[in-house]
Amino acid sequence: MARGATREAVLDAALRIVAEGGLEAMTVSRLAEVSGASNGSIYHHFGSRGGVVAALYRESFAELVGAMALALDDRPAATVVPELAGRFLDWIVENPTRGEFVYRASVAGLLPEDGTAEFKARVMAPLAEWFGARTARGELRPVPPWALDAVVMGPAHECARRYLAGPDSFDLKLARPEVEHAVWAIVRP
């Protein structure tokens, strides 16, 4: 396998393994079996099982934030902020395995302490800049950048977790308007 193909095959395998058996089932030997890559190749590309987890987390988190960032434009904040929450929920529905992985990996203590916070800040920089500019214009109440994910998106996170725990028992489409309203209520001036 070519270098890029091996990396993608291992990350795809990691998602399949997590979907079938959870994070605990994702071992280097299982990754090799599902991806077709050798154990040595996995260690070469990722350094360890933790390296696979970190790479998949970063890829998934960046994809999620990228989907949200598509809403950032010159429309009024009262229109854009609810759309950000809606795009977040849409991404969860379209990518449930990645969504579940992002939540599980972030609470399982599997992400490296070095660099994860900096990575998240870098990926979320366009959102932080947009919020900062809109706050300066008086369209939003001041919210520190660290709170954008943890506080502002709190209602979206909670509904996403409920949906991922049992998609048949929690209707995310029905919840979407309430989530959009709640997220806007957190930041409106």
N, C-alpha and C. Protein backbone atom coordinates (compact mmCIF):
# COMPACT_ATOMS: atom_id res chain seq x y z
N MET A 1 0.83 -1.19 0.00
CA MET A 1 0.00 0.00 0.00
C MET A 1 0.88 1.25 0.00
N ALA A 2 0.44 2.26 -0.70
CA ALA A 2 1.14 3.54 -0.70
C ALA A 2 0.94 4.21 0.66
N ARG A 3 1.85 5.12 0.98
CA ARG A 3 1.84 5.78 2.29
C ARG A 3 0.48 6.38 2.64
N GLY A 4 -0.07 7.20 1.77
CA GLY A 4 -1.37 7.83 2.02
C GLY A 4 -2.49 6.81 2.09
N ALA A 5 -2.40 5.79 1.23
CA ALA A 5 -3.43 4.75 1.21
C ALA A 5 -3.40 3.94 2.50
N THR A 6 -2.20 3.67 3.02
CA THR A 6 -2.08 2.93 4.27
C THR A 6 -2.70 3.73 5.41
N ARG A 7 -2.36 4.99 5.48
CA ARG A 7 -2.90 5.85 6.55
C ARG A 7 -4.42 5.87 6.50
N GLU A 8 -4.99 6.09 5.32
CA GLU A 8 -6.45 6.14 5.18
C GLU A 8 -7.09 4.79 5.49
N ALA A 9 -6.45 3.71 5.05
CA ALA A 9 -6.99 2.37 5.32
C ALA A 9 -7.04 2.11 6.82
N VAL A 10 -6.01 2.53 7.54
CA VAL A 10 -5.97 2.32 8.99
C VAL A 10 -7.03 3.17 9.68
N LEU A 11 -7.18 4.42 9.26
CA LEU A 11 -8.20 5.28 9.88
C LEU A 11 -9.61 4.78 9.56
N ASP A 12 -9.84 4.32 8.34
CA ASP A 12 -11.14 3.73 7.99
C ASP A 12 -11.40 2.47 8.82
N ALA A 13 -10.38 1.67 8.99
CA ALA A 13 -10.51 0.46 9.81
C ALA A 13 -10.82 0.83 11.25
N ALA A 14 -10.16 1.86 11.75
CA ALA A 14 -10.41 2.29 13.13
C ALA A 14 -11.88 2.67 13.32
N LEU A 15 -12.43 3.40 12.37
CA LEU A 15 -13.85 3.76 12.46
C LEU A 15 -14.75 2.53 12.45
N ARG A 16 -14.46 1.58 11.58
CA ARG A 16 -15.28 0.36 11.51
C ARG A 16 -15.19 -0.42 12.82
N ILE A 17 -14.00 -0.52 13.35
CA ILE A 17 -13.81 -1.27 14.60
C ILE A 17 -14.55 -0.59 15.73
N VAL A 18 -14.42 0.72 15.84
CA VAL A 18 -15.10 1.46 16.91
C VAL A 18 -16.61 1.32 16.76
N ALA A 19 -17.12 1.37 15.53
CA ALA A 19 -18.56 1.24 15.29
C ALA A 19 -19.06 -0.14 15.73
N GLU A 20 -18.25 -1.16 15.51
CA GLU A 20 -18.67 -2.52 15.83
C GLU A 20 -18.46 -2.89 17.29
N GLY A 21 -17.35 -2.41 17.89
CA GLY A 21 -17.04 -2.89 19.23
C GLY A 21 -16.56 -1.85 20.22
N GLY A 22 -16.57 -0.59 19.83
CA GLY A 22 -16.15 0.46 20.75
C GLY A 22 -14.64 0.67 20.72
N LEU A 23 -14.19 1.67 21.46
CA LEU A 23 -12.77 2.00 21.51
C LEU A 23 -11.91 0.85 22.03
N GLU A 24 -12.46 0.09 22.96
CA GLU A 24 -11.70 -1.01 23.56
C GLU A 24 -11.31 -2.06 22.53
N ALA A 25 -12.14 -2.20 21.49
CA ALA A 25 -11.87 -3.21 20.46
C ALA A 25 -10.78 -2.79 19.49
N MET A 26 -10.40 -1.53 19.53
CA MET A 26 -9.41 -1.02 18.57
C MET A 26 -8.00 -1.27 19.11
N THR A 27 -7.42 -2.37 18.68
CA THR A 27 -6.04 -2.71 19.02
C THR A 27 -5.23 -2.65 17.74
N VAL A 28 -3.92 -2.59 17.88
CA VAL A 28 -3.07 -2.55 16.69
C VAL A 28 -3.25 -3.82 15.87
N SER A 29 -3.35 -4.96 16.52
CA SER A 29 -3.52 -6.20 15.76
C SER A 29 -4.86 -6.22 15.03
N ARG A 30 -5.91 -5.71 15.66
CA ARG A 30 -7.23 -5.65 14.99
C ARG A 30 -7.19 -4.63 13.84
N LEU A 31 -6.51 -3.51 14.05
CA LEU A 31 -6.35 -2.52 12.98
C LEU A 31 -5.64 -3.13 11.78
N ALA A 32 -4.60 -3.91 12.05
CA ALA A 32 -3.86 -4.56 10.96
C ALA A 32 -4.76 -5.55 10.22
N GLU A 33 -5.51 -6.32 10.97
CA GLU A 33 -6.40 -7.32 10.38
C GLU A 33 -7.46 -6.66 9.48
N VAL A 34 -8.09 -5.59 9.96
CA VAL A 34 -9.19 -4.96 9.22
C VAL A 34 -8.67 -4.09 8.07
N SER A 35 -7.54 -3.42 8.28
CA SER A 35 -7.03 -2.50 7.26
C SER A 35 -6.18 -3.17 6.19
N GLY A 36 -5.57 -4.31 6.52
CA GLY A 36 -4.66 -4.95 5.59
C GLY A 36 -3.24 -4.43 5.71
N ALA A 37 -3.02 -3.47 6.60
CA ALA A 37 -1.68 -2.94 6.84
C ALA A 37 -0.97 -3.83 7.87
N SER A 38 0.33 -3.84 7.83
CA SER A 38 1.07 -4.63 8.82
C SER A 38 1.15 -3.87 10.14
N ASN A 39 1.39 -4.60 11.22
CA ASN A 39 1.58 -3.96 12.53
C ASN A 39 2.69 -2.92 12.43
N GLY A 40 3.79 -3.30 11.78
CA GLY A 40 4.93 -2.39 11.65
C GLY A 40 4.57 -1.12 10.90
N SER A 41 3.75 -1.26 9.88
CA SER A 41 3.32 -0.09 9.11
C SER A 41 2.46 0.84 9.97
N ILE A 42 1.60 0.24 10.78
CA ILE A 42 0.76 1.06 11.67
C ILE A 42 1.64 1.82 12.66
N TYR A 43 2.61 1.13 13.26
CA TYR A 43 3.52 1.81 14.18
C TYR A 43 4.35 2.87 13.46
N HIS A 44 4.73 2.59 12.22
CA HIS A 44 5.51 3.55 11.45
C HIS A 44 4.70 4.83 11.20
N HIS A 45 3.45 4.69 10.80
CA HIS A 45 2.63 5.84 10.45
C HIS A 45 2.08 6.58 11.67
N PHE A 46 1.77 5.84 12.74
CA PHE A 46 1.06 6.45 13.87
C PHE A 46 1.80 6.38 15.20
N GLY A 47 2.82 5.55 15.30
CA GLY A 47 3.60 5.45 16.53
C GLY A 47 3.03 4.51 17.56
N SER A 48 1.69 4.40 17.61
CA SER A 48 1.04 3.56 18.61
C SER A 48 -0.47 3.56 18.34
N ARG A 49 -1.19 2.79 19.13
CA ARG A 49 -2.65 2.83 19.07
C ARG A 49 -3.13 4.24 19.39
N GLY A 50 -2.49 4.87 20.37
CA GLY A 50 -2.84 6.24 20.74
C GLY A 50 -2.64 7.22 19.59
N GLY A 51 -1.65 6.96 18.76
CA GLY A 51 -1.43 7.81 17.59
C GLY A 51 -2.56 7.68 16.59
N VAL A 52 -3.12 6.48 16.46
CA VAL A 52 -4.27 6.27 15.58
C VAL A 52 -5.47 7.03 16.14
N VAL A 53 -5.68 6.90 17.44
CA VAL A 53 -6.80 7.61 18.10
C VAL A 53 -6.65 9.11 17.88
N ALA A 54 -5.46 9.64 18.12
CA ALA A 54 -5.24 11.08 17.97
C ALA A 54 -5.47 11.54 16.53
N ALA A 55 -4.97 10.78 15.57
CA ALA A 55 -5.13 11.16 14.16
C ALA A 55 -6.60 11.13 13.75
N LEU A 56 -7.32 10.10 14.17
CA LEU A 56 -8.73 10.00 13.82
C LEU A 56 -9.54 11.10 14.51
N TYR A 57 -9.18 11.41 15.74
CA TYR A 57 -9.86 12.49 16.46
C TYR A 57 -9.65 13.82 15.75
N ARG A 58 -8.42 14.11 15.41
CA ARG A 58 -8.11 15.38 14.75
C ARG A 58 -8.82 15.50 13.40
N GLU A 59 -8.80 14.43 12.64
CA GLU A 59 -9.46 14.43 11.34
C GLU A 59 -10.97 14.65 11.51
N SER A 60 -11.56 13.95 12.44
CA SER A 60 -13.01 14.04 12.66
C SER A 60 -13.40 15.39 13.22
N PHE A 61 -12.66 15.90 14.19
CA PHE A 61 -12.97 17.20 14.79
C PHE A 61 -12.85 18.30 13.74
N ALA A 62 -11.80 18.25 12.93
CA ALA A 62 -11.61 19.26 11.88
C ALA A 62 -12.75 19.19 10.85
N GLU A 63 -13.19 17.99 10.53
CA GLU A 63 -14.30 17.83 9.59
C GLU A 63 -15.58 18.44 10.17
N LEU A 64 -15.84 18.19 11.44
CA LEU A 64 -17.02 18.73 12.11
C LEU A 64 -17.00 20.26 12.13
N VAL A 65 -15.89 20.83 12.54
CA VAL A 65 -15.78 22.29 12.60
C VAL A 65 -15.84 22.87 11.19
N GLY A 66 -15.25 22.19 10.23
CA GLY A 66 -15.32 22.64 8.84
C GLY A 66 -16.75 22.70 8.32
N ALA A 67 -17.56 21.73 8.70
CA ALA A 67 -18.97 21.74 8.30
C ALA A 67 -19.70 22.94 8.92
N MET A 68 -19.37 23.25 10.15
CA MET A 68 -19.99 24.40 10.81
C MET A 68 -19.52 25.71 10.19
N ALA A 69 -18.24 25.79 9.89
CA ALA A 69 -17.65 27.04 9.40
C ALA A 69 -18.24 27.47 8.06
N LEU A 70 -18.86 26.56 7.34
CA LEU A 70 -19.51 26.92 6.08
C LEU A 70 -20.63 27.95 6.29
N ALA A 71 -21.13 28.07 7.50
CA ALA A 71 -22.20 29.03 7.79
C ALA A 71 -21.66 30.44 8.02
N LEU A 72 -20.36 30.57 8.24
CA LEU A 72 -19.79 31.87 8.58
C LEU A 72 -19.78 32.79 7.37
N ASP A 73 -20.54 33.86 7.44
CA ASP A 73 -20.57 34.86 6.37
C ASP A 73 -21.05 36.19 6.95
N ASP A 74 -21.47 37.07 6.10
CA ASP A 74 -21.84 38.42 6.54
C ASP A 74 -23.30 38.57 6.94
N ARG A 75 -24.06 37.50 6.96
CA ARG A 75 -25.44 37.60 7.40
C ARG A 75 -25.48 38.00 8.87
N PRO A 76 -26.63 38.45 9.37
CA PRO A 76 -26.73 38.82 10.78
C PRO A 76 -26.41 37.63 11.69
N ALA A 77 -25.82 37.93 12.83
CA ALA A 77 -25.47 36.90 13.80
C ALA A 77 -26.69 36.08 14.21
N ALA A 78 -27.85 36.72 14.28
CA ALA A 78 -29.08 36.02 14.66
C ALA A 78 -29.46 34.93 13.66
N THR A 79 -28.93 35.00 12.46
CA THR A 79 -29.16 33.97 11.45
C THR A 79 -28.04 32.94 11.46
N VAL A 80 -26.80 33.41 11.57
CA VAL A 80 -25.65 32.52 11.47
C VAL A 80 -25.50 31.62 12.69
N VAL A 81 -25.67 32.15 13.88
CA VAL A 81 -25.44 31.34 15.09
C VAL A 81 -26.36 30.12 15.14
N PRO A 82 -27.66 30.27 14.93
CA PRO A 82 -28.50 29.07 14.90
C PRO A 82 -28.09 28.09 13.79
N GLU A 83 -27.67 28.63 12.66
CA GLU A 83 -27.23 27.75 11.57
C GLU A 83 -25.99 26.96 11.97
N LEU A 84 -25.09 27.57 12.72
CA LEU A 84 -23.90 26.84 13.21
C LEU A 84 -24.34 25.62 14.02
N ALA A 85 -25.29 25.83 14.92
CA ALA A 85 -25.79 24.71 15.74
C ALA A 85 -26.46 23.66 14.86
N GLY A 86 -27.24 24.12 13.89
CA GLY A 86 -27.90 23.18 12.99
C GLY A 86 -26.92 22.37 12.17
N ARG A 87 -25.87 23.02 11.68
CA ARG A 87 -24.85 22.31 10.90
C ARG A 87 -24.12 21.28 11.77
N PHE A 88 -23.89 21.63 13.03
CA PHE A 88 -23.29 20.69 13.97
C PHE A 88 -24.16 19.43 14.06
N LEU A 89 -25.45 19.63 14.30
CA LEU A 89 -26.36 18.49 14.43
C LEU A 89 -26.46 17.70 13.13
N ASP A 90 -26.49 18.40 11.99
CA ASP A 90 -26.53 17.72 10.70
C ASP A 90 -25.31 16.82 10.53
N TRP A 91 -24.14 17.33 10.92
CA TRP A 91 -22.91 16.54 10.78
C TRP A 91 -23.00 15.28 11.64
N ILE A 92 -23.53 15.41 12.84
CA ILE A 92 -23.68 14.25 13.72
C ILE A 92 -24.58 13.20 13.07
N VAL A 93 -25.70 13.62 12.50
CA VAL A 93 -26.62 12.69 11.84
C VAL A 93 -25.95 12.03 10.64
N GLU A 94 -25.18 12.80 9.88
CA GLU A 94 -24.52 12.27 8.69
C GLU A 94 -23.28 11.43 9.01
N ASN A 95 -22.69 11.64 10.18
CA ASN A 95 -21.44 10.97 10.56
C ASN A 95 -21.52 10.42 11.98
N PRO A 96 -22.48 9.55 12.27
CA PRO A 96 -22.66 9.12 13.66
C PRO A 96 -21.47 8.37 14.24
N THR A 97 -20.77 7.59 13.44
CA THR A 97 -19.62 6.87 13.98
C THR A 97 -18.51 7.83 14.34
N ARG A 98 -18.23 8.78 13.47
CA ARG A 98 -17.21 9.79 13.79
C ARG A 98 -17.64 10.63 14.99
N GLY A 99 -18.92 11.01 15.03
CA GLY A 99 -19.41 11.80 16.14
C GLY A 99 -19.25 11.07 17.46
N GLU A 100 -19.64 9.81 17.48
CA GLU A 100 -19.49 9.03 18.70
C GLU A 100 -18.02 8.87 19.07
N PHE A 101 -17.19 8.68 18.06
CA PHE A 101 -15.76 8.56 18.32
C PHE A 101 -15.21 9.84 18.96
N VAL A 102 -15.58 11.01 18.42
CA VAL A 102 -15.09 12.28 18.98
C VAL A 102 -15.46 12.39 20.44
N TYR A 103 -16.70 12.06 20.77
CA TYR A 103 -17.12 12.15 22.18
C TYR A 103 -16.41 11.12 23.04
N ARG A 104 -16.36 9.88 22.59
CA ARG A 104 -15.72 8.84 23.41
C ARG A 104 -14.23 9.10 23.62
N ALA A 105 -13.54 9.45 22.56
CA ALA A 105 -12.09 9.66 22.66
C ALA A 105 -11.78 10.82 23.58
N SER A 106 -12.61 11.86 23.54
CA SER A 106 -12.30 13.05 24.35
C SER A 106 -12.51 12.80 25.84
N VAL A 107 -13.36 11.85 26.22
CA VAL A 107 -13.58 11.59 27.65
C VAL A 107 -12.85 10.36 28.15
N ALA A 108 -12.28 9.57 27.24
CA ALA A 108 -11.63 8.32 27.63
C ALA A 108 -10.17 8.51 28.05
N GLY A 109 -9.67 9.73 27.99
CA GLY A 109 -8.28 9.96 28.35
C GLY A 109 -7.30 9.41 27.33
N LEU A 110 -7.73 9.24 26.10
CA LEU A 110 -6.87 8.66 25.07
C LEU A 110 -6.17 9.68 24.20
N LEU A 111 -6.55 10.94 24.33
CA LEU A 111 -5.93 11.97 23.49
C LEU A 111 -4.67 12.49 24.17
N PRO A 112 -3.65 12.79 23.39
CA PRO A 112 -2.41 13.30 24.00
C PRO A 112 -2.64 14.66 24.64
N GLU A 113 -2.08 14.84 25.82
CA GLU A 113 -2.21 16.13 26.50
C GLU A 113 -1.45 17.22 25.76
N ASP A 114 -0.33 16.85 25.19
CA ASP A 114 0.46 17.82 24.43
C ASP A 114 -0.14 18.01 23.05
N GLY A 115 -0.53 19.24 22.77
CA GLY A 115 -0.95 19.59 21.44
C GLY A 115 -2.43 19.53 21.14
N THR A 116 -3.23 18.81 21.93
CA THR A 116 -4.65 18.69 21.61
C THR A 116 -5.37 20.03 21.78
N ALA A 117 -5.11 20.73 22.86
CA ALA A 117 -5.76 22.03 23.08
C ALA A 117 -5.36 23.03 21.99
N GLU A 118 -4.08 23.02 21.63
CA GLU A 118 -3.61 23.92 20.58
C GLU A 118 -4.23 23.57 19.23
N PHE A 119 -4.35 22.28 18.96
CA PHE A 119 -4.99 21.85 17.72
C PHE A 119 -6.43 22.33 17.66
N LYS A 120 -7.18 22.11 18.74
CA LYS A 120 -8.58 22.53 18.76
C LYS A 120 -8.70 24.04 18.59
N ALA A 121 -7.84 24.80 19.25
CA ALA A 121 -7.88 26.26 19.12
C ALA A 121 -7.59 26.69 17.68
N ARG A 122 -6.64 26.02 17.04
CA ARG A 122 -6.31 26.35 15.65
C ARG A 122 -7.47 26.03 14.71
N VAL A 123 -8.09 24.89 14.90
CA VAL A 123 -9.21 24.49 14.05
C VAL A 123 -10.41 25.40 14.28
N MET A 124 -10.62 25.81 15.52
CA MET A 124 -11.77 26.65 15.84
C MET A 124 -11.50 28.14 15.63
N ALA A 125 -10.29 28.49 15.20
CA ALA A 125 -9.93 29.90 15.02
C ALA A 125 -10.90 30.67 14.12
N PRO A 126 -11.34 30.12 12.99
CA PRO A 126 -12.30 30.89 12.17
C PRO A 126 -13.59 31.20 12.92
N LEU A 127 -14.07 30.28 13.72
CA LEU A 127 -15.27 30.54 14.51
C LEU A 127 -14.98 31.60 15.57
N ALA A 128 -13.84 31.48 16.25
CA ALA A 128 -13.48 32.44 17.28
C ALA A 128 -13.33 33.84 16.68
N GLU A 129 -12.72 33.92 15.51
CA GLU A 129 -12.55 35.22 14.85
C GLU A 129 -13.91 35.82 14.46
N TRP A 130 -14.79 35.00 13.92
CA TRP A 130 -16.12 35.47 13.53
C TRP A 130 -16.88 35.96 14.77
N PHE A 131 -16.85 35.15 15.83
CA PHE A 131 -17.53 35.56 17.07
C PHE A 131 -16.92 36.83 17.63
N GLY A 132 -15.60 36.94 17.59
CA GLY A 132 -14.92 38.14 18.09
C GLY A 132 -15.33 39.38 17.32
N ALA A 133 -15.38 39.28 15.99
CA ALA A 133 -15.78 40.42 15.17
C ALA A 133 -17.23 40.80 15.44
N ARG A 134 -18.10 39.83 15.57
CA ARG A 134 -19.51 40.12 15.82
C ARG A 134 -19.73 40.66 17.23
N THR A 135 -18.92 40.24 18.16
CA THR A 135 -19.00 40.78 19.51
C THR A 135 -18.58 42.25 19.49
N ALA A 136 -17.50 42.54 18.77
CA ALA A 136 -17.02 43.93 18.67
C ALA A 136 -18.07 44.84 18.05
N ARG A 137 -18.89 44.30 17.15
CA ARG A 137 -19.96 45.09 16.54
C ARG A 137 -21.20 45.20 17.42
N GLY A 138 -21.21 44.47 18.52
CA GLY A 138 -22.36 44.51 19.42
C GLY A 138 -23.46 43.54 19.05
N GLU A 139 -23.21 42.64 18.08
CA GLU A 139 -24.23 41.67 17.68
C GLU A 139 -24.31 40.48 18.62
N LEU A 140 -23.26 40.26 19.40
CA LEU A 140 -23.21 39.14 20.34
C LEU A 140 -22.69 39.63 21.68
N ARG A 141 -23.10 38.93 22.72
CA ARG A 141 -22.52 39.26 24.03
C ARG A 141 -21.13 38.64 24.10
N PRO A 142 -20.23 39.25 24.85
CA PRO A 142 -18.86 38.71 24.93
C PRO A 142 -18.85 37.29 25.53
N VAL A 143 -18.17 36.41 24.84
CA VAL A 143 -17.97 35.03 25.29
C VAL A 143 -16.51 34.70 25.03
N PRO A 144 -15.78 34.22 26.03
CA PRO A 144 -14.37 33.89 25.79
C PRO A 144 -14.25 32.74 24.78
N PRO A 145 -13.19 32.74 23.98
CA PRO A 145 -13.04 31.70 22.95
C PRO A 145 -13.14 30.27 23.49
N TRP A 146 -12.62 30.02 24.70
CA TRP A 146 -12.69 28.66 25.24
C TRP A 146 -14.13 28.21 25.44
N ALA A 147 -15.05 29.16 25.61
CA ALA A 147 -16.44 28.82 25.90
C ALA A 147 -17.26 28.51 24.65
N LEU A 148 -16.72 28.80 23.46
CA LEU A 148 -17.50 28.55 22.25
C LEU A 148 -17.91 27.08 22.13
N ASP A 149 -16.99 26.18 22.36
CA ASP A 149 -17.30 24.76 22.26
C ASP A 149 -18.01 24.26 23.51
N ALA A 150 -17.50 24.59 24.68
CA ALA A 150 -18.01 24.03 25.92
C ALA A 150 -19.34 24.64 26.37
N VAL A 151 -19.52 25.92 26.22
CA VAL A 151 -20.70 26.60 26.74
C VAL A 151 -21.71 26.91 25.64
N VAL A 152 -21.27 27.63 24.62
CA VAL A 152 -22.19 28.04 23.56
C VAL A 152 -22.81 26.83 22.88
N MET A 153 -22.01 25.85 22.56
CA MET A 153 -22.52 24.66 21.86
C MET A 153 -23.02 23.59 22.83
N GLY A 154 -23.09 23.90 24.11
CA GLY A 154 -23.56 22.94 25.11
C GLY A 154 -24.88 22.26 24.77
N PRO A 155 -25.92 23.02 24.39
CA PRO A 155 -27.18 22.36 24.04
C PRO A 155 -27.04 21.40 22.85
N ALA A 156 -26.24 21.77 21.88
CA ALA A 156 -26.02 20.90 20.72
C ALA A 156 -25.27 19.63 21.14
N HIS A 157 -24.27 19.79 22.01
CA HIS A 157 -23.52 18.62 22.49
C HIS A 157 -24.44 17.65 23.22
N GLU A 158 -25.26 18.17 24.10
CA GLU A 158 -26.14 17.29 24.89
C GLU A 158 -27.11 16.54 23.99
N CYS A 159 -27.71 17.22 23.05
CA CYS A 159 -28.65 16.55 22.14
C CYS A 159 -27.92 15.56 21.23
N ALA A 160 -26.72 15.89 20.79
CA ALA A 160 -25.94 14.96 19.98
C ALA A 160 -25.63 13.69 20.77
N ARG A 161 -25.25 13.84 22.03
CA ARG A 161 -24.95 12.66 22.86
C ARG A 161 -26.19 11.79 23.01
N ARG A 162 -27.34 12.42 23.25
CA ARG A 162 -28.58 11.64 23.39
C ARG A 162 -28.91 10.91 22.09
N TYR A 163 -28.75 11.59 20.98
CA TYR A 163 -29.01 10.97 19.68
C TYR A 163 -28.07 9.79 19.45
N LEU A 164 -26.79 9.98 19.73
CA LEU A 164 -25.81 8.92 19.50
C LEU A 164 -26.03 7.73 20.43
N ALA A 165 -26.59 7.98 21.61
CA ALA A 165 -26.87 6.89 22.55
C ALA A 165 -28.03 6.02 22.08
N GLY A 166 -28.92 6.59 21.29
CA GLY A 166 -30.07 5.82 20.80
C GLY A 166 -30.83 6.59 19.75
N PRO A 167 -30.34 6.60 18.50
CA PRO A 167 -30.96 7.40 17.45
C PRO A 167 -32.46 7.14 17.27
N ASP A 168 -32.89 5.94 17.59
CA ASP A 168 -34.31 5.62 17.43
C ASP A 168 -35.16 6.21 18.56
N SER A 169 -34.52 6.57 19.67
CA SER A 169 -35.29 7.08 20.80
C SER A 169 -35.18 8.60 20.97
N PHE A 170 -34.32 9.25 20.18
CA PHE A 170 -34.18 10.70 20.29
C PHE A 170 -34.18 11.30 18.89
N ASP A 171 -35.17 12.11 18.61
CA ASP A 171 -35.34 12.70 17.28
C ASP A 171 -34.58 14.02 17.20
N LEU A 172 -33.40 13.97 16.60
CA LEU A 172 -32.55 15.15 16.50
C LEU A 172 -33.16 16.21 15.59
N LYS A 173 -33.89 15.77 14.56
CA LYS A 173 -34.54 16.74 13.68
C LYS A 173 -35.61 17.51 14.43
N LEU A 174 -36.33 16.85 15.29
CA LEU A 174 -37.35 17.51 16.10
C LEU A 174 -36.70 18.46 17.11
N ALA A 175 -35.56 18.08 17.63
CA ALA A 175 -34.86 18.90 18.62
C ALA A 175 -34.14 20.10 18.00
N ARG A 176 -33.82 20.01 16.72
CA ARG A 176 -32.99 21.03 16.07
C ARG A 176 -33.47 22.47 16.31
N PRO A 177 -34.76 22.80 16.07
CA PRO A 177 -35.17 24.20 16.28
C PRO A 177 -34.96 24.68 17.72
N GLU A 178 -35.19 23.80 18.68
CA GLU A 178 -34.99 24.17 20.08
C GLU A 178 -33.51 24.39 20.38
N VAL A 179 -32.67 23.54 19.82
CA VAL A 179 -31.23 23.67 20.02
C VAL A 179 -30.73 24.97 19.39
N GLU A 180 -31.17 25.24 18.17
CA GLU A 180 -30.76 26.48 17.50
C GLU A 180 -31.18 27.70 18.32
N HIS A 181 -32.39 27.67 18.84
CA HIS A 181 -32.89 28.77 19.68
C HIS A 181 -32.06 28.89 20.96
N ALA A 182 -31.77 27.77 21.60
CA ALA A 182 -31.01 27.79 22.85
C ALA A 182 -29.59 28.32 22.64
N VAL A 183 -28.94 27.90 21.55
CA VAL A 183 -27.58 28.37 21.28
C VAL A 183 -27.59 29.88 21.03
N TRP A 184 -28.57 30.34 20.27
CA TRP A 184 -28.68 31.79 20.04
C TRP A 184 -28.93 32.54 21.35
N ALA A 185 -29.76 31.98 22.21
CA ALA A 185 -30.08 32.62 23.49
C ALA A 185 -28.83 32.78 24.36
N ILE A 186 -27.87 31.90 24.22
CA ILE A 186 -26.64 31.98 25.02
C ILE A 186 -25.80 33.18 24.63
N VAL A 187 -25.79 33.54 23.34
CA VAL A 187 -24.88 34.58 22.88
C VAL A 187 -25.53 35.87 22.45
N ARG A 188 -26.84 35.90 22.37
CA ARG A 188 -27.47 37.15 21.91
C ARG A 188 -27.19 38.26 22.92
N PRO A 189 -27.09 39.50 22.43
CA PRO A 189 -26.75 40.60 23.35
C PRO A 189 -27.89 40.92 24.30
